[in-house]
Amino acid sequence: CLAATDFLTVEVCTIRGLVTHYVLFFIDTTSRAVKIAGITPHPDSRWMTQIARNLTDLNDGFLRGKRYLILDRDSKYCDAFRRVLVREGIQVIRLPPQSPNLNAFAERFVRQLRRSV
């Protein structure tokens, strides 16, 4: 019933030099299954809203059946993104500012990923 989300960044070498890409992932806190929802250099409101729609899809949305979603106060989690989730019955739990320990599932995933690379 509980999921968490966060961003991690990856530097990608392009013709124009290094470009920061944002990787948006979600983790089911019960099964520890991780869904990479998308990767983009520009996570704008339109992109985030489409991600929310994809994740709440009735057929194969990763957040289908989830009641709560933990996320931090990153401005990339725009109002439109949160509205889609709430409309689908997911209660968005926004963490207090500067409190990474409260999203331990996501932080641990990022730490393990970086350690394995």
C-alpha atoms as a PDB file:
ATOM      1  CA  CYS A   1       0.000   0.000   0.000  1.00  0.00           C
ATOM      2  CA  LEU A   2       3.029   2.298   0.357  1.00  0.00           C
ATOM      3  CA  ALA A   3       5.451   3.508  -2.305  1.00  0.00           C
ATOM      4  CA  ALA A   4       8.265   6.041  -2.325  1.00  0.00           C
ATOM      5  CA  THR A   5       9.776   8.144  -5.080  1.00  0.00           C
ATOM      6  CA  ASP A   6      12.863  10.231  -5.692  1.00  0.00           C
ATOM      7  CA  PHE A   7      15.171  11.502  -8.383  1.00  0.00           C
ATOM      8  CA  LEU A   8      18.771  10.619  -8.987  1.00  0.00           C
ATOM      9  CA  THR A   9      21.044  12.329 -11.465  1.00  0.00           C
ATOM     10  CA  VAL A  10      23.322  10.838 -14.089  1.00  0.00           C
ATOM     11  CA  GLU A  11      25.881  12.685 -16.169  1.00  0.00           C
ATOM     12  CA  VAL A  12      25.637  11.720 -19.842  1.00  0.00           C
ATOM     13  CA  CYS A  13      28.444  12.473 -22.292  1.00  0.00           C
ATOM     14  CA  THR A  14      27.042  14.078 -25.458  1.00  0.00           C
ATOM     15  CA  ILE A  15      28.458  15.969 -28.422  1.00  0.00           C
ATOM     16  CA  ARG A  16      27.884  19.165 -26.445  1.00  0.00           C
ATOM     17  CA  GLY A  17      29.629  17.829 -23.345  1.00  0.00           C
ATOM     18  CA  LEU A  18      28.258  16.445 -20.110  1.00  0.00           C
ATOM     19  CA  VAL A  19      24.512  16.780 -19.679  1.00  0.00           C
ATOM     20  CA  THR A  20      22.707  16.055 -16.405  1.00  0.00           C
ATOM     21  CA  HIS A  21      19.786  13.667 -16.791  1.00  0.00           C
ATOM     22  CA  TYR A  22      17.208  13.172 -14.070  1.00  0.00           C
ATOM     23  CA  VAL A  23      16.079   9.617 -13.365  1.00  0.00           C
ATOM     24  CA  LEU A  24      12.683   9.409 -11.690  1.00  0.00           C
ATOM     25  CA  PHE A  25      12.099   6.132  -9.877  1.00  0.00           C
ATOM     26  CA  PHE A  26       9.442   4.626  -7.650  1.00  0.00           C
ATOM     27  CA  ILE A  27       9.874   1.823  -5.145  1.00  0.00           C
ATOM     28  CA  ASP A  28       7.263  -0.468  -3.627  1.00  0.00           C
ATOM     29  CA  THR A  29       8.212  -0.553   0.042  1.00  0.00           C
ATOM     30  CA  THR A  30       6.780  -4.038   0.573  1.00  0.00           C
ATOM     31  CA  SER A  31       8.342  -5.941  -2.332  1.00  0.00           C
ATOM     32  CA  ARG A  32      11.240  -3.500  -2.924  1.00  0.00           C
ATOM     33  CA  ALA A  33      10.367  -3.591  -6.632  1.00  0.00           C
ATOM     34  CA  VAL A  34      11.702  -0.523  -8.419  1.00  0.00           C
ATOM     35  CA  LYS A  35      10.185   1.177 -11.436  1.00  0.00           C
ATOM     36  CA  ILE A  36      12.258   3.625 -13.466  1.00  0.00           C
ATOM     37  CA  ALA A  37       9.443   5.925 -14.541  1.00  0.00           C
ATOM     38  CA  GLY A  38      11.473   8.089 -16.872  1.00  0.00           C
ATOM     39  CA  ILE A  39      14.758   9.783 -17.682  1.00  0.00           C
ATOM     40  CA  THR A  40      15.026  13.327 -19.007  1.00  0.00           C
ATOM     41  CA  PRO A  41      17.346  16.328 -18.926  1.00  0.00           C
ATOM     42  CA  HIS A  42      14.306  18.574 -18.348  1.00  0.00           C
ATOM     43  CA  PRO A  43      11.699  17.210 -15.897  1.00  0.00           C
ATOM     44  CA  ASP A  44       9.106  19.912 -16.509  1.00  0.00           C
ATOM     45  CA  SER A  45       5.470  19.958 -15.393  1.00  0.00           C
ATOM     46  CA  ARG A  46       4.172  18.429 -18.615  1.00  0.00           C
ATOM     47  CA  TRP A  47       6.596  15.503 -18.409  1.00  0.00           C
ATOM     48  CA  MET A  48       5.853  14.918 -14.717  1.00  0.00           C
ATOM     49  CA  THR A  49       2.090  14.955 -15.297  1.00  0.00           C
ATOM     50  CA  GLN A  50       2.407  12.337 -18.048  1.00  0.00           C
ATOM     51  CA  ILE A  51       4.537  10.189 -15.742  1.00  0.00           C
ATOM     52  CA  ALA A  52       1.772  10.373 -13.102  1.00  0.00           C
ATOM     53  CA  ARG A  53      -0.791   9.270 -15.689  1.00  0.00           C
ATOM     54  CA  ASN A  54       1.407   6.348 -16.747  1.00  0.00           C
ATOM     55  CA  LEU A  55       1.943   5.226 -13.161  1.00  0.00           C
ATOM     56  CA  THR A  56      -1.767   5.236 -12.354  1.00  0.00           C
ATOM     57  CA  ASP A  57      -2.853   3.450 -15.547  1.00  0.00           C
ATOM     58  CA  LEU A  58      -5.625   0.944 -14.785  1.00  0.00           C
ATOM     59  CA  ASN A  59      -3.973  -1.888 -16.709  1.00  0.00           C
ATOM     60  CA  ASP A  60      -0.304  -1.750 -15.782  1.00  0.00           C
ATOM     61  CA  GLY A  61       0.369   1.329 -13.671  1.00  0.00           C
ATOM     62  CA  PHE A  62       3.054   0.753 -11.043  1.00  0.00           C
ATOM     63  CA  LEU A  63       1.078   2.721  -8.442  1.00  0.00           C
ATOM     64  CA  ARG A  64      -2.141   0.794  -9.056  1.00  0.00           C
ATOM     65  CA  GLY A  65      -3.412  -0.389  -5.665  1.00  0.00           C
ATOM     66  CA  LYS A  66      -1.110   1.903  -3.689  1.00  0.00           C
ATOM     67  CA  ARG A  67      -2.706   4.180  -1.116  1.00  0.00           C
ATOM     68  CA  TYR A  68       0.293   6.304  -0.099  1.00  0.00           C
ATOM     69  CA  LEU A  69       3.279   7.818  -1.880  1.00  0.00           C
ATOM     70  CA  ILE A  70       6.235   9.299  -0.003  1.00  0.00           C
ATOM     71  CA  LEU A  71       8.074  12.113  -1.762  1.00  0.00           C
ATOM     72  CA  ASP A  72      10.277  15.023  -0.828  1.00  0.00           C
ATOM     73  CA  ARG A  73       9.575  18.692  -1.461  1.00  0.00           C
ATOM     74  CA  ASP A  74      11.494  18.894  -4.725  1.00  0.00           C
ATOM     75  CA  SER A  75       9.800  21.475  -6.955  1.00  0.00           C
ATOM     76  CA  LYS A  76       9.812  18.939  -9.804  1.00  0.00           C
ATOM     77  CA  TYR A  77       6.883  17.255  -8.046  1.00  0.00           C
ATOM     78  CA  CYS A  78       4.554  19.925  -9.390  1.00  0.00           C
ATOM     79  CA  ASP A  79       0.936  20.518  -8.412  1.00  0.00           C
ATOM     80  CA  ALA A  80      -0.362  18.861 -11.598  1.00  0.00           C
ATOM     81  CA  PHE A  81       1.662  15.709 -10.828  1.00  0.00           C
ATOM     82  CA  ARG A  82       0.273  15.526  -7.306  1.00  0.00           C
ATOM     83  CA  ARG A  83      -3.297  16.242  -8.483  1.00  0.00           C
ATOM     84  CA  VAL A  84      -3.255  13.238 -10.829  1.00  0.00           C
ATOM     85  CA  LEU A  85      -2.168  10.994  -7.967  1.00  0.00           C
ATOM     86  CA  VAL A  86      -4.773  12.358  -5.544  1.00  0.00           C
ATOM     87  CA  ARG A  87      -7.499  12.011  -8.175  1.00  0.00           C
ATOM     88  CA  GLU A  88      -6.572   8.309  -8.428  1.00  0.00           C
ATOM     89  CA  GLY A  89      -6.905   7.845  -4.665  1.00  0.00           C
ATOM     90  CA  ILE A  90      -3.231   8.032  -3.698  1.00  0.00           C
ATOM     91  CA  GLN A  91      -2.446  10.122  -0.640  1.00  0.00           C
ATOM     92  CA  VAL A  92       0.745  12.087  -1.258  1.00  0.00           C
ATOM     93  CA  ILE A  93       2.950  12.331   1.817  1.00  0.00           C
ATOM     94  CA  ARG A  94       5.343  15.260   1.416  1.00  0.00           C
ATOM     95  CA  LEU A  95       8.320  15.032   3.714  1.00  0.00           C
ATOM     96  CA  PRO A  96       9.615  17.966   5.737  1.00  0.00           C
ATOM     97  CA  PRO A  97      12.366  20.025   4.074  1.00  0.00           C
ATOM     98  CA  GLN A  98      15.887  18.589   4.173  1.00  0.00           C
ATOM     99  CA  SER A  99      14.940  15.244   5.698  1.00  0.00           C
ATOM    100  CA  PRO A 100      16.439  12.507   3.480  1.00  0.00           C
ATOM    101  CA  ASN A 101      16.335   9.962   6.322  1.00  0.00           C
ATOM    102  CA  LEU A 102      12.540   9.970   6.149  1.00  0.00           C
ATOM    103  CA  ASN A 103      12.657   8.533   2.623  1.00  0.00           C
ATOM    104  CA  ALA A 104      15.001   5.712   3.581  1.00  0.00           C
ATOM    105  CA  PHE A 105      13.727   3.266   0.945  1.00  0.00           C
ATOM    106  CA  ALA A 106      14.589   5.600  -1.922  1.00  0.00           C
ATOM    107  CA  GLU A 107      17.866   6.765  -0.384  1.00  0.00           C
ATOM    108  CA  ARG A 108      19.003   3.190   0.162  1.00  0.00           C
ATOM    109  CA  PHE A 109      18.218   2.279  -3.451  1.00  0.00           C
ATOM    110  CA  VAL A 110      20.284   5.212  -4.729  1.00  0.00           C
ATOM    111  CA  ARG A 111      23.157   4.346  -2.399  1.00  0.00           C
ATOM    112  CA  GLN A 112      23.180   0.690  -3.545  1.00  0.00           C
ATOM    113  CA  LEU A 113      22.971   1.702  -7.186  1.00  0.00           C
ATOM    114  CA  ARG A 114      25.895   4.129  -6.921  1.00  0.00           C
ATOM    115  CA  ARG A 115      27.971   1.586  -5.009  1.00  0.00           C
ATOM    116  CA  SER A 116      27.469  -1.067  -7.709  1.00  0.00           C
ATOM    117  CA  VAL A 117      28.540   1.193 -10.582  1.00  0.00           C
END
